[in-house]
């Protein structure tokens, strides 16, 4: 459904997206992840035809986006991070207007608008003026807009931004419900939602793809350190000295009422690590009240590991906004 080859976007001497390639199969739900400023929103705008690439190819359902942009865009329901709604219109009026723009036949307008209202859980505010709605509700109106023409492909940029936990769960269930019936590419910072809904994940950093695979594959292939919890009457200093020979070991702990609770982080994925820790503590003549391995690595751990180079330069939340500001004059020049 989506084929991307060597996609690049430059602004003068700055490269925002640097030759990325990936594909999304029909009926697949794929997460598109990256830290702020990594080029996620720029990539999604190019995929949906709102921004012209500097180089590379995009095919939507076999249609070249650059050669036949209108035909390709008819197959896409796009929800940008900041939904450009008309605040003076009522929700149902806005969705009807958008459906007409997207070519929904007159005989199907009412049916499609009602369906989109229900899917995005905004039926109860259908007659309300958009400008009077909360941010979270406006976000769901943007989701209804993406759904109103019943496109085979949905591209969702931060669809749960501004939603409360119940609304996030509704959106997650809605996306999961599209499995095998629609193709979905979703960008989000809520990584547990990605693990719960996405079959595969594409992670980018500094405009380049750094990893592609299922959440389970990425976690299994990562070198994320293992964590063990120790409780003992021995001092923290004595425990750390006993375990100092473990590869890549780090400690975090505290003592309370004569009991030391120590978190041992070890950069070693080999079997028998718990037994090794027990033997080292016993060899030092120390006793244990508890030795347990903490929950295994998560997609969040893998994401942090793969994109840690970006952390060297702190990025504020408005870095994507700065990126947007750069894009506007660039796209106007290209047009």
Protein backbone atom coordinates (compact mmCIF):
# COMPACT_ATOMS: atom_id res chain seq x y z
CA UNK A 1 0.00 0.00 0.00
CA UNK A 2 2.91 2.37 0.80
CA UNK A 3 6.31 2.15 -0.87
CA UNK A 4 9.00 4.70 0.01
CA UNK A 5 12.41 4.67 -1.68
CA UNK A 6 15.26 7.07 -0.92
CA UNK A 7 12.90 9.78 0.33
CA UNK A 8 14.79 13.01 1.04
CA UNK A 9 13.85 16.55 2.04
CA UNK A 10 16.36 19.39 2.18
CA UNK A 11 16.01 23.01 3.27
CA UNK A 12 19.08 24.75 1.90
CA UNK A 13 22.04 23.08 3.59
CA UNK A 14 19.89 21.31 6.19
CA UNK A 15 18.64 17.79 5.48
CA UNK A 16 15.43 17.05 7.40
CA UNK A 17 14.82 13.60 5.87
CA UNK A 18 17.83 11.71 4.56
CA UNK A 19 17.12 8.95 2.02
CA UNK A 20 14.68 6.81 4.01
CA UNK A 21 13.10 3.67 2.55
CA UNK A 22 10.34 1.44 3.93
CA UNK A 23 7.07 -0.18 2.93
CA UNK A 24 3.67 -0.85 4.49
CA UNK A 25 1.60 -3.79 3.23
CA UNK A 26 -2.13 -3.64 2.61
CA UNK A 27 -4.09 -4.26 5.81
CA UNK A 28 -1.05 -3.67 8.02
CA UNK A 29 -0.87 -1.32 11.04
CA UNK A 30 2.60 0.21 11.33
CA UNK A 31 3.97 2.61 13.94
CA UNK A 32 6.23 5.44 12.74
CA UNK A 33 8.43 6.55 15.65
CA UNK A 34 11.21 9.00 16.32
CA UNK A 35 12.26 11.74 18.75
CA UNK A 36 11.15 15.33 18.25
CA UNK A 37 12.88 16.86 15.24
CA UNK A 38 13.68 13.45 13.68
CA UNK A 39 11.67 14.20 10.51
CA UNK A 40 8.46 12.28 11.26
CA UNK A 41 5.97 15.01 10.40
CA UNK A 42 8.00 16.04 7.33
CA UNK A 43 7.93 12.45 6.09
CA UNK A 44 4.18 12.12 6.66
CA UNK A 45 3.51 15.36 4.78
CA UNK A 46 5.51 14.06 1.82
CA UNK A 47 3.69 10.71 1.93
CA UNK A 48 0.33 12.47 1.82
CA UNK A 49 1.26 14.90 -0.96
CA UNK A 50 1.29 18.07 1.15
CA UNK A 51 5.03 18.58 0.74
CA UNK A 52 7.20 17.90 -2.30
CA UNK A 53 10.32 15.77 -1.64
CA UNK A 54 13.79 16.86 -2.74
CA UNK A 55 14.50 13.32 -3.97
CA UNK A 56 13.11 9.81 -3.80
CA UNK A 57 9.92 8.00 -4.75
CA UNK A 58 6.54 7.50 -3.08
CA UNK A 59 3.92 5.03 -4.30
CA UNK A 60 0.47 4.73 -2.75
CA UNK A 61 -1.37 1.57 -3.76
CA UNK A 62 0.97 1.37 -6.76
CA UNK A 63 0.32 5.01 -7.80
CA UNK A 64 3.26 7.39 -8.03
CA UNK A 65 2.57 10.33 -5.71
CA UNK A 66 4.65 12.74 -7.80
CA UNK A 67 3.16 11.77 -11.17
CA UNK A 68 -0.50 11.35 -10.09
CA UNK A 69 -0.88 13.19 -6.77
CA UNK A 70 -4.66 13.64 -6.91
CA UNK A 71 -5.31 9.97 -7.66
CA UNK A 72 -2.90 8.88 -4.91
CA UNK A 73 -4.36 11.27 -2.33
CA UNK A 74 -7.88 9.96 -2.94
CA UNK A 75 -6.74 6.75 -1.25
CA UNK A 76 -5.47 8.51 1.89
CA UNK A 77 -7.17 9.74 5.04
CA UNK A 78 -4.64 12.08 6.67
CA UNK A 79 -4.86 13.41 10.20
CA UNK A 80 -2.05 15.94 10.85
CA UNK A 81 -0.81 16.58 14.37
CA UNK A 82 -2.35 20.07 14.44
CA UNK A 83 -5.72 19.56 12.75
CA UNK A 84 -6.60 22.61 10.59
CA UNK A 85 -10.29 22.88 11.45
CA UNK A 86 -12.73 25.71 10.75
CA UNK A 87 -13.66 26.97 14.25
CA UNK A 88 -16.79 28.83 13.13
CA UNK A 89 -18.45 25.75 11.60
CA UNK A 90 -20.51 23.10 13.36
CA UNK A 91 -18.98 19.64 13.47
CA UNK A 92 -21.53 18.02 11.15
CA UNK A 93 -21.30 20.94 8.71
CA UNK A 94 -17.53 20.68 8.64
CA UNK A 95 -17.53 16.92 8.02
CA UNK A 96 -20.14 17.24 5.29
CA UNK A 97 -18.06 19.97 3.64
CA UNK A 98 -14.91 17.85 3.87
CA UNK A 99 -16.71 14.80 2.49
CA UNK A 100 -17.85 16.85 -0.52
CA UNK A 101 -14.29 18.08 -1.10
CA UNK A 102 -13.08 14.49 -1.02
CA UNK A 103 -15.55 13.45 -3.69
CA UNK A 104 -18.01 11.43 -1.59
CA UNK A 105 -21.16 11.00 -3.75
CA UNK A 106 -24.19 13.03 -2.61
CA UNK A 107 -26.23 9.89 -2.01
CA UNK A 108 -23.62 8.66 0.48
CA UNK A 109 -22.88 11.94 2.30
CA UNK A 110 -25.22 11.49 5.27
CA UNK A 111 -24.20 7.87 5.73
CA UNK A 112 -20.46 8.59 5.64
CA UNK A 113 -20.72 11.62 7.97
CA UNK A 114 -22.74 9.61 10.51
CA UNK A 115 -20.25 6.75 10.31
CA UNK A 116 -17.27 9.05 10.83
CA UNK A 117 -18.98 10.78 13.77
CA UNK A 118 -19.56 7.41 15.42
CA UNK A 119 -16.10 5.99 14.72
CA UNK A 120 -14.38 9.05 16.21
CA UNK A 121 -16.85 9.22 19.15
CA UNK A 122 -18.01 12.76 18.38
CA UNK A 123 -21.69 12.07 17.59
CA UNK A 124 -22.73 13.84 20.79
CA UNK A 125 -21.12 17.13 19.63
CA UNK A 126 -22.28 16.95 16.00
CA UNK A 127 -24.29 20.17 16.31
CA UNK A 128 -21.67 22.05 18.36
CA UNK A 129 -19.48 24.84 16.96
CA UNK A 130 -15.91 23.55 16.58
CA UNK A 131 -14.32 26.61 18.17
CA UNK A 132 -16.21 25.90 21.41
CA UNK A 133 -14.88 22.36 21.76
CA UNK A 134 -12.01 21.18 23.94
CA UNK A 135 -8.64 20.37 22.38
CA UNK A 136 -9.21 16.65 22.78
CA UNK A 137 -12.63 16.80 21.13
CA UNK A 138 -11.25 18.86 18.25
CA UNK A 139 -8.59 16.18 17.85
CA UNK A 140 -11.32 13.57 17.45
CA UNK A 141 -13.09 15.76 14.90
CA UNK A 142 -9.82 15.68 12.93
CA UNK A 143 -9.88 11.90 13.15
CA UNK A 144 -13.47 11.89 11.85
CA UNK A 145 -12.28 14.04 8.95
CA UNK A 146 -9.64 11.43 8.08
CA UNK A 147 -12.32 8.71 8.13
CA UNK A 148 -15.21 10.46 6.40
CA UNK A 149 -14.38 9.35 2.84
CA UNK A 150 -13.70 5.76 3.97
CA UNK A 151 -10.15 5.68 2.52
CA UNK A 152 -8.20 2.41 2.36
CA UNK A 153 -5.12 4.09 3.89
CA UNK A 154 -5.01 6.14 7.09
CA UNK A 155 -1.98 8.29 7.98
CA UNK A 156 -2.33 9.51 11.57
CA UNK A 157 0.13 11.97 13.11
CA UNK A 158 -0.20 11.91 16.93
CA UNK A 159 -3.91 10.92 16.88
CA UNK A 160 -4.16 10.71 20.68
CA UNK A 161 -2.56 14.09 21.48
CA UNK A 162 -4.71 15.94 24.00
CA UNK A 163 -7.00 12.98 24.72
CA UNK A 164 -7.80 11.65 28.17
CA UNK A 165 -7.07 7.98 29.06
CA UNK A 166 -10.58 6.82 28.14
CA UNK A 167 -10.43 8.57 24.77
CA UNK A 168 -6.95 7.17 24.12
CA UNK A 169 -8.33 3.68 24.73
CA UNK A 170 -11.19 4.37 22.29
CA UNK A 171 -8.76 5.50 19.59
CA UNK A 172 -6.54 2.47 20.24
CA UNK A 173 -9.50 0.13 19.91
CA UNK A 174 -10.60 1.94 16.74
CA UNK A 175 -7.15 1.54 15.16
CA UNK A 176 -6.98 -2.14 16.17
CA UNK A 177 -10.41 -2.59 14.60
CA UNK A 178 -8.99 -1.54 11.24
CA UNK A 179 -6.72 -4.61 11.14
CA UNK A 180 -6.92 -6.31 7.73
CA UNK A 181 -9.59 -3.85 6.48
CA UNK A 182 -7.50 -0.68 6.26
CA UNK A 183 -3.82 0.13 6.12
CA UNK A 184 -2.69 2.42 8.95
CA UNK A 185 0.55 4.34 9.43
CA UNK A 186 0.48 6.01 12.84
CA UNK A 187 3.02 8.30 14.47
CA UNK A 188 2.81 8.66 18.24
CA UNK A 189 4.93 9.21 21.34
CA UNK A 190 2.83 6.81 23.44
CA UNK A 191 4.92 3.68 22.98
CA UNK A 192 2.73 1.28 24.99
CA UNK A 193 -0.05 2.12 22.52
CA UNK A 194 2.28 1.17 19.66
CA UNK A 195 3.03 -2.18 21.32
CA UNK A 196 -0.70 -2.77 21.76
CA UNK A 197 -1.83 -1.83 18.24
CA UNK A 198 1.01 -2.02 15.69
CA UNK A 199 2.21 -5.10 13.84
CA UNK A 200 5.50 -3.47 12.81
CA UNK A 201 7.47 -0.37 13.76
CA UNK A 202 9.67 2.00 11.75
CA UNK A 203 12.03 4.04 13.94
CA UNK A 204 13.83 7.08 12.56
CA UNK A 205 16.43 9.41 14.09
CA UNK A 206 18.02 12.48 12.54
CA UNK A 207 16.07 11.89 9.33
CA UNK A 208 17.27 8.31 8.81
CA UNK A 209 15.69 4.91 9.41
CA UNK A 210 17.51 3.20 12.29
CA UNK A 211 15.37 0.07 12.72
CA UNK A 212 12.34 -1.74 11.27
CA UNK A 213 10.58 -4.78 12.70
CA UNK A 214 7.83 -6.05 14.95
CA UNK A 215 7.90 -4.72 18.54
CA UNK A 216 8.86 -8.20 19.75
CA UNK A 217 11.69 -8.48 17.19
CA UNK A 218 13.10 -5.09 18.15
CA UNK A 219 13.05 -5.93 21.84
CA UNK A 220 14.61 -9.36 21.27
CA UNK A 221 17.39 -7.95 19.06
CA UNK A 222 18.22 -5.05 21.36
CA UNK A 223 21.16 -4.95 23.73
CA UNK A 224 19.10 -3.29 26.43
CA UNK A 225 20.55 -4.08 29.86
CA UNK A 226 18.85 -6.51 32.23
CA UNK A 227 17.68 -5.40 35.67
CA UNK A 228 17.69 -7.38 38.91
CA UNK A 229 16.33 -6.40 42.31
CA UNK A 230 18.21 -7.44 45.44
CA UNK A 231 17.05 -7.08 49.06
CA UNK A 232 19.58 -7.85 51.77
CA UNK A 233 20.71 -6.93 55.29
CA UNK A 234 24.17 -6.30 53.83
CA UNK A 235 25.23 -2.73 53.14
CA UNK A 236 24.93 -1.24 49.67
CA UNK A 237 28.70 -0.81 49.55
CA UNK A 238 29.33 -4.49 50.31
CA UNK A 239 26.81 -5.66 47.67
CA UNK A 240 28.26 -3.38 45.02
CA UNK A 241 31.79 -4.59 45.79
CA UNK A 242 30.65 -8.23 45.45
CA UNK A 243 29.03 -7.61 42.07
CA UNK A 244 31.62 -5.21 40.62
CA UNK A 245 32.96 -7.84 38.18
CA UNK A 246 29.65 -8.13 36.26
CA UNK A 247 29.91 -6.76 32.69
CA UNK A 248 28.62 -3.20 32.31
CA UNK A 249 27.13 -3.22 35.80
CA UNK A 250 25.37 -0.16 37.24
CA UNK A 251 23.67 0.23 40.59
CA UNK A 252 20.75 2.16 42.00
CA UNK A 253 19.52 1.54 45.52
CA UNK A 254 18.73 2.68 49.02
CA UNK A 255 18.71 1.38 52.58
CA UNK A 256 15.70 1.56 54.88
CA UNK A 257 15.34 0.10 58.39
CA UNK A 258 18.49 -1.97 57.97
CA UNK A 259 17.41 -3.49 54.63
CA UNK A 260 19.19 -2.57 51.41
CA UNK A 261 17.20 -2.59 48.19
CA UNK A 262 19.59 -2.56 45.25
CA UNK A 263 18.70 -2.43 41.54
CA UNK A 264 21.48 -4.10 39.55
CA UNK A 265 21.64 -3.19 35.85
CA UNK A 266 23.82 -5.51 33.79
CA UNK A 267 24.78 -5.22 30.10
CA UNK A 268 24.70 -8.99 29.61
CA UNK A 269 21.86 -10.99 28.02
CA UNK A 270 23.35 -14.44 28.66
CA UNK A 271 21.47 -17.21 30.47
CA UNK A 272 22.33 -17.97 34.07
CA UNK A 273 22.86 -14.34 35.05
CA UNK A 274 20.66 -14.63 38.14
CA UNK A 275 22.67 -17.66 39.30
CA UNK A 276 25.91 -15.72 38.75
CA UNK A 277 24.65 -12.84 40.90
CA UNK A 278 23.63 -15.28 43.66
CA UNK A 279 27.02 -17.01 43.59
CA UNK A 280 28.93 -13.70 43.77
CA UNK A 281 26.91 -12.52 46.74
CA UNK A 282 27.29 -15.88 48.51
CA UNK A 283 31.03 -15.95 47.81
CA UNK A 284 31.35 -12.58 49.54
CA UNK A 285 29.65 -14.07 52.62
CA UNK A 286 26.52 -11.93 52.24
CA UNK A 287 22.93 -13.08 52.61
CA UNK A 288 19.97 -12.38 50.36
CA UNK A 289 16.33 -11.85 51.23
CA UNK A 290 15.27 -11.38 47.59
CA UNK A 291 16.75 -11.79 44.13
CA UNK A 292 14.38 -11.19 41.22
CA UNK A 293 14.65 -10.01 37.66
CA UNK A 294 12.69 -6.87 36.85
CA UNK A 295 10.31 -6.74 33.90
CA UNK A 296 12.10 -7.28 30.60
CA UNK A 297 12.98 -4.63 28.05
CA UNK A 298 10.13 -2.69 26.48
CA UNK A 299 9.75 -0.88 23.18
CA UNK A 300 10.38 2.31 25.14
CA UNK A 301 13.79 0.96 26.20
CA UNK A 302 14.62 0.03 22.60
CA UNK A 303 13.47 3.43 21.33
CA UNK A 304 15.66 5.22 23.86
CA UNK A 305 18.66 3.06 22.94
CA UNK A 306 18.28 3.50 19.18
CA UNK A 307 17.76 7.26 19.34
CA UNK A 308 20.13 8.10 22.20
CA UNK A 309 22.43 10.13 19.95
CA UNK A 310 19.64 12.68 19.58
CA UNK A 311 19.60 13.06 23.34
CA UNK A 312 23.07 14.60 23.18
CA UNK A 313 21.37 17.70 21.85
CA UNK A 314 18.23 18.37 23.94
CA UNK A 315 15.18 18.95 21.78
CA UNK A 316 12.23 20.97 23.00
CA UNK A 317 8.65 20.10 22.16
CA UNK A 318 8.52 22.99 19.73
CA UNK A 319 11.34 21.62 17.56
CA UNK A 320 8.69 20.11 15.29
CA UNK A 321 7.05 23.54 15.17
CA UNK A 322 10.33 25.09 14.06
CA UNK A 323 10.48 22.40 11.39
CA UNK A 324 6.97 23.39 10.30
CA UNK A 325 7.99 27.02 10.00
CA UNK A 326 10.87 26.03 7.76
CA UNK A 327 8.56 23.95 5.60
CA UNK A 328 6.01 26.64 4.81
CA UNK A 329 8.22 28.95 2.77
CA UNK A 330 9.99 25.96 1.22
CA UNK A 331 6.73 24.45 -0.03
CA UNK A 332 5.53 27.82 -1.32
CA UNK A 333 8.73 28.26 -3.31
CA UNK A 334 8.34 24.80 -4.80
CA UNK A 335 4.80 25.53 -5.90
